[in-house]
Amino acid sequence: MRTARAANGGFTLLELVLALTLLAVMLAMLFGGLRMGVRAWDAGTGRGDRADQVLLTASFVRKELATAFPWRFKDPLEVKLAFRGDRDGLRFVSMRPADIAGGGLSFVSFAYEPGRDAAGGRLVMRRAFAAADASDFSSLDASDPFALLDGVTEARFSYFGAESDASVPAWGDKWDRPQRLPTHVRIDLAMGSLRLPPLIVALKLGEEAGCYESSFQRTCVPRR
């Protein structure tokens, strides 16, 4: 006895419904896998871009700090080296390369600016021309900030050095000694739950490098 499908030469309605259902399930599984793959690709690309941004920022900050110069403010009464640092940022004088605004010396600041939401703040930089008659860093306050790294949720600047040649060097969150420079600067950054490796930079020039008017090492005299 022949079956109904053999007699009619086609599929029954139930078989057609089952086939369409299986096809829909297979397409849904394929689309879900494809969507997960795209999300994983986007996440990997985003992490790679962020890693590149962090590496570029660290390299730039390292090069800028490595050119820190022991420049002295214009003060006829005392020696005041142009370097100030606290937990949230620092200000110093950088020897800019010749291809940036004609070269020369410039006031530079790195600072952490907290954000207003959960996205975090940012690490910013300011730069201003170091005028020969400048007595402070006030020209930096009028310069526009440039964002070096976004998404920073926490930042800490610290400084390694000694108060005098006889004292023991140590790390601290503040540097306001007018006649000495720290030997190292450390920057700790966090981006959400991710804590970046600490960036530690050694300053290559000591205070005596800026003593143009003295013939004795580590002895500076005020500008006239």
C-alpha atoms as a PDB file:
ATOM      1  CA  MET A   1       0.000   0.000   0.000  1.00  0.00           C
ATOM      2  CA  ARG A   2       1.443   3.318  -1.003  1.00  0.00           C
ATOM      3  CA  THR A   3       1.715   6.227   1.453  1.00  0.00           C
ATOM      4  CA  ALA A   4      -0.040   9.546   0.936  1.00  0.00           C
ATOM      5  CA  ARG A   5       3.277  11.324   0.143  1.00  0.00           C
ATOM      6  CA  ALA A   6       4.212   8.706  -2.447  1.00  0.00           C
ATOM      7  CA  ALA A   7       0.756   8.914  -3.943  1.00  0.00           C
ATOM      8  CA  ASN A   8       0.733  12.695  -4.192  1.00  0.00           C
ATOM      9  CA  GLY A   9       4.456  13.028  -5.050  1.00  0.00           C
ATOM     10  CA  GLY A  10       5.177  15.760  -2.374  1.00  0.00           C
ATOM     11  CA  PHE A  11       5.526  16.599   1.354  1.00  0.00           C
ATOM     12  CA  THR A  12       2.785  16.720   3.891  1.00  0.00           C
ATOM     13  CA  LEU A  13       1.923  19.947   5.699  1.00  0.00           C
ATOM     14  CA  LEU A  14       3.380  18.609   8.961  1.00  0.00           C
ATOM     15  CA  GLU A  15       6.701  17.778   7.296  1.00  0.00           C
ATOM     16  CA  LEU A  16       6.845  21.226   5.723  1.00  0.00           C
ATOM     17  CA  VAL A  17       6.195  22.914   9.085  1.00  0.00           C
ATOM     18  CA  LEU A  18       8.885  20.831  10.773  1.00  0.00           C
ATOM     19  CA  ALA A  19      11.401  21.640   8.014  1.00  0.00           C
ATOM     20  CA  LEU A  20      10.693  25.374   8.263  1.00  0.00           C
ATOM     21  CA  THR A  21      11.000  25.231  12.047  1.00  0.00           C
ATOM     22  CA  LEU A  22      14.385  23.502  11.864  1.00  0.00           C
ATOM     23  CA  LEU A  23      15.551  26.024   9.270  1.00  0.00           C
ATOM     24  CA  ALA A  24      14.490  28.930  11.507  1.00  0.00           C
ATOM     25  CA  VAL A  25      16.331  27.414  14.484  1.00  0.00           C
ATOM     26  CA  MET A  26      19.488  26.911  12.415  1.00  0.00           C
ATOM     27  CA  LEU A  27      19.349  30.484  11.083  1.00  0.00           C
ATOM     28  CA  ALA A  28      18.833  31.848  14.602  1.00  0.00           C
ATOM     29  CA  MET A  29      21.843  29.907  15.877  1.00  0.00           C
ATOM     30  CA  LEU A  30      23.941  31.068  12.931  1.00  0.00           C
ATOM     31  CA  PHE A  31      22.920  34.703  13.429  1.00  0.00           C
ATOM     32  CA  GLY A  32      23.638  34.490  17.185  1.00  0.00           C
ATOM     33  CA  GLY A  33      27.101  33.078  16.575  1.00  0.00           C
ATOM     34  CA  LEU A  34      27.808  35.733  13.969  1.00  0.00           C
ATOM     35  CA  ARG A  35      26.652  38.492  16.330  1.00  0.00           C
ATOM     36  CA  MET A  36      28.856  37.167  19.140  1.00  0.00           C
ATOM     37  CA  GLY A  37      31.800  37.020  16.752  1.00  0.00           C
ATOM     38  CA  VAL A  38      31.255  40.633  15.683  1.00  0.00           C
ATOM     39  CA  ARG A  39      31.017  41.752  19.316  1.00  0.00           C
ATOM     40  CA  ALA A  40      34.204  39.876  20.194  1.00  0.00           C
ATOM     41  CA  TRP A  41      35.952  41.454  17.207  1.00  0.00           C
ATOM     42  CA  ASP A  42      34.801  44.940  18.204  1.00  0.00           C
ATOM     43  CA  ALA A  43      35.874  44.358  21.814  1.00  0.00           C
ATOM     44  CA  GLY A  44      39.279  43.096  20.722  1.00  0.00           C
ATOM     45  CA  THR A  45      39.717  46.037  18.375  1.00  0.00           C
ATOM     46  CA  GLY A  46      38.705  48.462  21.125  1.00  0.00           C
ATOM     47  CA  ARG A  47      41.164  46.920  23.582  1.00  0.00           C
ATOM     48  CA  GLY A  48      43.901  47.057  20.962  1.00  0.00           C
ATOM     49  CA  ASP A  49      43.186  50.711  20.188  1.00  0.00           C
ATOM     50  CA  ARG A  50      43.157  51.582  23.883  1.00  0.00           C
ATOM     51  CA  ALA A  51      46.425  49.714  24.447  1.00  0.00           C
ATOM     52  CA  ASP A  52      48.015  51.636  21.567  1.00  0.00           C
ATOM     53  CA  GLN A  53      46.747  54.920  23.037  1.00  0.00           C
ATOM     54  CA  VAL A  54      48.181  54.075  26.457  1.00  0.00           C
ATOM     55  CA  LEU A  55      51.568  53.147  24.964  1.00  0.00           C
ATOM     56  CA  LEU A  56      51.706  56.333  22.877  1.00  0.00           C
ATOM     57  CA  THR A  57      50.771  58.459  25.901  1.00  0.00           C
ATOM     58  CA  ALA A  58      53.401  56.812  28.088  1.00  0.00           C
ATOM     59  CA  SER A  59      56.065  57.278  25.402  1.00  0.00           C
ATOM     60  CA  PHE A  60      55.165  60.944  24.914  1.00  0.00           C
ATOM     61  CA  VAL A  61      55.103  61.743  28.644  1.00  0.00           C
ATOM     62  CA  ARG A  62      58.401  59.927  29.143  1.00  0.00           C
ATOM     63  CA  LYS A  63      60.131  61.875  26.354  1.00  0.00           C
ATOM     64  CA  GLU A  64      58.727  65.195  27.578  1.00  0.00           C
ATOM     65  CA  LEU A  65      59.824  64.627  31.182  1.00  0.00           C
ATOM     66  CA  ALA A  66      63.229  63.370  30.087  1.00  0.00           C
ATOM     67  CA  THR A  67      63.880  66.829  28.593  1.00  0.00           C
ATOM     68  CA  ALA A  68      62.983  68.669  31.813  1.00  0.00           C
ATOM     69  CA  PHE A  69      65.380  71.604  32.249  1.00  0.00           C
ATOM     70  CA  PRO A  70      66.372  73.250  35.576  1.00  0.00           C
ATOM     71  CA  TRP A  71      65.242  76.697  34.451  1.00  0.00           C
ATOM     72  CA  ARG A  72      65.077  79.483  37.039  1.00  0.00           C
ATOM     73  CA  PHE A  73      62.313  82.000  37.451  1.00  0.00           C
ATOM     74  CA  LYS A  74      63.230  85.673  37.221  1.00  0.00           C
ATOM     75  CA  ASP A  75      63.889  86.578  40.840  1.00  0.00           C
ATOM     76  CA  PRO A  76      66.765  88.850  41.907  1.00  0.00           C
ATOM     77  CA  LEU A  77      66.629  87.729  45.545  1.00  0.00           C
ATOM     78  CA  GLU A  78      66.570  83.930  45.529  1.00  0.00           C
ATOM     79  CA  VAL A  79      66.947  80.874  43.354  1.00  0.00           C
ATOM     80  CA  LYS A  80      63.550  79.476  42.319  1.00  0.00           C
ATOM     81  CA  LEU A  81      63.719  76.494  39.992  1.00  0.00           C
ATOM     82  CA  ALA A  82      60.699  76.130  37.709  1.00  0.00           C
ATOM     83  CA  PHE A  83      59.409  72.776  38.916  1.00  0.00           C
ATOM     84  CA  ARG A  84      56.294  72.234  41.015  1.00  0.00           C
ATOM     85  CA  GLY A  85      54.485  68.984  41.628  1.00  0.00           C
ATOM     86  CA  ASP A  86      51.619  67.600  43.671  1.00  0.00           C
ATOM     87  CA  ARG A  87      49.480  64.486  43.727  1.00  0.00           C
ATOM     88  CA  ASP A  88      47.270  65.555  40.796  1.00  0.00           C
ATOM     89  CA  GLY A  89      49.872  66.989  38.420  1.00  0.00           C
ATOM     90  CA  LEU A  90      53.180  68.728  37.860  1.00  0.00           C
ATOM     91  CA  ARG A  91      54.630  71.761  36.092  1.00  0.00           C
ATOM     92  CA  PHE A  92      58.117  72.065  34.685  1.00  0.00           C
ATOM     93  CA  VAL A  93      60.219  73.500  31.857  1.00  0.00           C
ATOM     94  CA  SER A  94      60.797  71.366  28.797  1.00  0.00           C
ATOM     95  CA  MET A  95      63.436  71.684  26.093  1.00  0.00           C
ATOM     96  CA  ARG A  96      61.186  71.384  23.079  1.00  0.00           C
ATOM     97  CA  PRO A  97      62.527  69.897  19.833  1.00  0.00           C
ATOM     98  CA  ALA A  98      63.166  72.338  17.008  1.00  0.00           C
ATOM     99  CA  ASP A  99      60.138  71.181  14.988  1.00  0.00           C
ATOM    100  CA  ILE A 100      57.657  72.274  17.681  1.00  0.00           C
ATOM    101  CA  ALA A 101      56.837  75.984  17.531  1.00  0.00           C
ATOM    102  CA  GLY A 102      60.379  76.874  16.579  1.00  0.00           C
ATOM    103  CA  GLY A 103      62.088  75.066  19.454  1.00  0.00           C
ATOM    104  CA  GLY A 104      63.336  76.673  22.652  1.00  0.00           C
ATOM    105  CA  LEU A 105      62.123  76.302  26.227  1.00  0.00           C
ATOM    106  CA  SER A 106      58.485  76.005  27.210  1.00  0.00           C
ATOM    107  CA  PHE A 107      56.389  75.664  30.346  1.00  0.00           C
ATOM    108  CA  VAL A 108      54.635  72.282  30.385  1.00  0.00           C
ATOM    109  CA  SER A 109      52.091  70.765  32.738  1.00  0.00           C
ATOM    110  CA  PHE A 110      50.604  67.298  33.074  1.00  0.00           C
ATOM    111  CA  ALA A 111      47.482  67.036  35.194  1.00  0.00           C
ATOM    112  CA  TYR A 112      44.558  64.764  35.960  1.00  0.00           C
ATOM    113  CA  GLU A 113      41.097  66.211  35.382  1.00  0.00           C
ATOM    114  CA  PRO A 114      38.297  64.147  37.016  1.00  0.00           C
ATOM    115  CA  GLY A 115      35.244  63.337  34.923  1.00  0.00           C
ATOM    116  CA  ARG A 116      31.647  64.186  35.694  1.00  0.00           C
ATOM    117  CA  ASP A 117      30.316  60.666  35.104  1.00  0.00           C
ATOM    118  CA  ALA A 118      31.318  57.019  35.316  1.00  0.00           C
ATOM    119  CA  ALA A 119      33.289  57.304  32.067  1.00  0.00           C
ATOM    120  CA  GLY A 120      36.187  58.766  34.047  1.00  0.00           C
ATOM    121  CA  GLY A 121      38.395  61.788  33.612  1.00  0.00           C
ATOM    122  CA  ARG A 122      41.441  62.427  31.472  1.00  0.00           C
ATOM    123  CA  LEU A 123      45.137  63.132  31.554  1.00  0.00           C
ATOM    124  CA  VAL A 124      45.752  66.546  29.986  1.00  0.00           C
ATOM    125  CA  MET A 125      48.761  68.578  28.957  1.00  0.00           C
ATOM    126  CA  ARG A 126      49.271  72.324  28.681  1.00  0.00           C
ATOM    127  CA  ARG A 127      52.168  74.126  27.023  1.00  0.00           C
ATOM    128  CA  ALA A 128      53.196  77.798  26.998  1.00  0.00           C
ATOM    129  CA  PHE A 129      56.238  79.778  25.926  1.00  0.00           C
ATOM    130  CA  ALA A 130      58.786  80.252  28.710  1.00  0.00           C
ATOM    131  CA  ALA A 131      59.390  83.993  28.698  1.00  0.00           C
ATOM    132  CA  ALA A 132      62.753  85.083  30.087  1.00  0.00           C
ATOM    133  CA  ASP A 133      61.124  87.492  32.568  1.00  0.00           C
ATOM    134  CA  ALA A 134      58.557  84.986  33.883  1.00  0.00           C
ATOM    135  CA  SER A 135      58.357  84.679  37.650  1.00  0.00           C
ATOM    136  CA  ASP A 136      55.801  81.832  37.846  1.00  0.00           C
ATOM    137  CA  PHE A 137      53.745  79.360  35.810  1.00  0.00           C
ATOM    138  CA  SER A 138      50.762  81.696  35.347  1.00  0.00           C
ATOM    139  CA  SER A 139      51.053  81.603  31.547  1.00  0.00           C
ATOM    140  CA  LEU A 140      50.062  77.916  31.630  1.00  0.00           C
ATOM    141  CA  ASP A 141      46.672  78.775  33.123  1.00  0.00           C
ATOM    142  CA  ALA A 142      45.727  80.692  29.965  1.00  0.00           C
ATOM    143  CA  SER A 143      46.722  77.886  27.577  1.00  0.00           C
ATOM    144  CA  ASP A 144      44.226  75.369  26.233  1.00  0.00           C
ATOM    145  CA  PRO A 145      44.424  71.813  27.601  1.00  0.00           C
ATOM    146  CA  PHE A 146      45.202  68.922  25.282  1.00  0.00           C
ATOM    147  CA  ALA A 147      43.798  65.505  26.203  1.00  0.00           C
ATOM    148  CA  LEU A 148      46.487  62.820  26.218  1.00  0.00           C
ATOM    149  CA  LEU A 149      44.415  59.927  27.578  1.00  0.00           C
ATOM    150  CA  ASP A 150      40.661  59.659  28.148  1.00  0.00           C
ATOM    151  CA  GLY A 151      38.861  57.290  30.479  1.00  0.00           C
ATOM    152  CA  VAL A 152      41.262  57.789  33.393  1.00  0.00           C
ATOM    153  CA  THR A 153      39.457  57.166  36.679  1.00  0.00           C
ATOM    154  CA  GLU A 154      42.396  57.671  39.025  1.00  0.00           C
ATOM    155  CA  ALA A 155      45.827  59.298  38.804  1.00  0.00           C
ATOM    156  CA  ARG A 156      48.659  59.869  41.227  1.00  0.00           C
ATOM    157  CA  PHE A 157      51.897  61.787  40.704  1.00  0.00           C
ATOM    158  CA  SER A 158      54.824  61.210  43.063  1.00  0.00           C
ATOM    159  CA  TYR A 159      58.419  62.435  43.234  1.00  0.00           C
ATOM    160  CA  PHE A 160      61.690  60.923  44.388  1.00  0.00           C
ATOM    161  CA  GLY A 161      64.462  63.070  45.787  1.00  0.00           C
ATOM    162  CA  ALA A 162      66.147  64.531  48.852  1.00  0.00           C
ATOM    163  CA  GLU A 163      65.843  67.874  50.580  1.00  0.00           C
ATOM    164  CA  SER A 164      69.650  68.220  50.686  1.00  0.00           C
ATOM    165  CA  ASP A 165      72.782  66.324  49.782  1.00  0.00           C
ATOM    166  CA  ALA A 166      72.944  64.975  53.336  1.00  0.00           C
ATOM    167  CA  SER A 167      69.337  63.712  53.548  1.00  0.00           C
ATOM    168  CA  VAL A 168      68.024  60.358  52.367  1.00  0.00           C
ATOM    169  CA  PRO A 169      66.005  60.407  49.112  1.00  0.00           C
ATOM    170  CA  ALA A 170      62.392  59.263  49.390  1.00  0.00           C
ATOM    171  CA  TRP A 171      59.123  59.242  47.471  1.00  0.00           C
ATOM    172  CA  GLY A 172      56.532  61.909  48.175  1.00  0.00           C
ATOM    173  CA  ASP A 173      53.249  63.247  46.755  1.00  0.00           C
ATOM    174  CA  LYS A 174      54.476  66.838  46.609  1.00  0.00           C
ATOM    175  CA  TRP A 175      57.540  68.693  45.358  1.00  0.00           C
ATOM    176  CA  ASP A 176      57.829  72.408  46.118  1.00  0.00           C
ATOM    177  CA  ARG A 177      61.525  72.791  46.952  1.00  0.00           C
ATOM    178  CA  PRO A 178      62.644  75.903  45.073  1.00  0.00           C
ATOM    179  CA  GLN A 179      66.356  75.036  44.889  1.00  0.00           C
ATOM    180  CA  ARG A 180      66.261  71.319  44.094  1.00  0.00           C
ATOM    181  CA  LEU A 181      64.759  68.996  41.498  1.00  0.00           C
ATOM    182  CA  PRO A 182      63.515  65.455  42.051  1.00  0.00           C
ATOM    183  CA  THR A 183      65.577  62.711  40.496  1.00  0.00           C
ATOM    184  CA  HIS A 184      62.538  60.690  39.387  1.00  0.00           C
ATOM    185  CA  VAL A 185      58.856  61.257  38.655  1.00  0.00           C
ATOM    186  CA  ARG A 186      56.279  58.485  38.933  1.00  0.00           C
ATOM    187  CA  ILE A 187      52.776  58.488  37.442  1.00  0.00           C
ATOM    188  CA  ASP A 188      50.209  55.852  38.440  1.00  0.00           C
ATOM    189  CA  LEU A 189      47.025  55.664  36.358  1.00  0.00           C
ATOM    190  CA  ALA A 190      43.869  53.566  36.568  1.00  0.00           C
ATOM    191  CA  MET A 191      41.166  53.107  33.939  1.00  0.00           C
ATOM    192  CA  GLY A 192      38.227  51.592  35.739  1.00  0.00           C
ATOM    193  CA  SER A 193      39.258  48.273  37.243  1.00  0.00           C
ATOM    194  CA  LEU A 194      42.452  48.234  35.162  1.00  0.00           C
ATOM    195  CA  ARG A 195      45.560  49.647  36.818  1.00  0.00           C
ATOM    196  CA  LEU A 196      48.264  50.540  34.339  1.00  0.00           C
ATOM    197  CA  PRO A 197      51.927  49.776  35.045  1.00  0.00           C
ATOM    198  CA  PRO A 198      53.566  52.727  36.834  1.00  0.00           C
ATOM    199  CA  LEU A 199      55.419  55.165  34.592  1.00  0.00           C
ATOM    200  CA  ILE A 200      58.733  56.119  36.230  1.00  0.00           C
ATOM    201  CA  VAL A 201      60.931  58.700  34.496  1.00  0.00           C
ATOM    202  CA  ALA A 202      64.421  59.797  35.564  1.00  0.00           C
ATOM    203  CA  LEU A 203      65.176  63.485  35.087  1.00  0.00           C
ATOM    204  CA  LYS A 204      68.442  63.682  33.170  1.00  0.00           C
ATOM    205  CA  LEU A 205      69.615  67.148  34.251  1.00  0.00           C
ATOM    206  CA  GLY A 206      70.375  68.328  37.779  1.00  0.00           C
ATOM    207  CA  GLU A 207      70.115  71.786  39.282  1.00  0.00           C
ATOM    208  CA  GLU A 208      73.689  72.697  38.357  1.00  0.00           C
ATOM    209  CA  ALA A 209      72.818  72.500  34.650  1.00  0.00           C
ATOM    210  CA  GLY A 210      70.843  75.727  35.006  1.00  0.00           C
ATOM    211  CA  CYS A 211      73.509  77.680  36.916  1.00  0.00           C
ATOM    212  CA  TYR A 212      74.815  79.772  34.074  1.00  0.00           C
ATOM    213  CA  GLU A 213      76.150  82.474  36.399  1.00  0.00           C
ATOM    214  CA  SER A 214      78.165  80.235  38.708  1.00  0.00           C
ATOM    215  CA  SER A 215      81.453  78.446  38.146  1.00  0.00           C
ATOM    216  CA  PHE A 216      80.916  76.068  41.095  1.00  0.00           C
ATOM    217  CA  GLN A 217      78.863  72.934  40.775  1.00  0.00           C
ATOM    218  CA  ARG A 218      75.594  72.835  42.726  1.00  0.00           C
ATOM    219  CA  THR A 219      75.876  76.534  43.518  1.00  0.00           C
ATOM    220  CA  CYS A 220      73.371  78.844  41.824  1.00  0.00           C
ATOM    221  CA  VAL A 221      72.924  82.569  42.211  1.00  0.00           C
ATOM    222  CA  PRO A 222      69.732  84.587  41.558  1.00  0.00           C
ATOM    223  CA  ARG A 223      69.121  86.232  38.203  1.00  0.00           C
ATOM    224  CA  ARG A 224      69.814  89.946  38.014  1.00  0.00           C
END
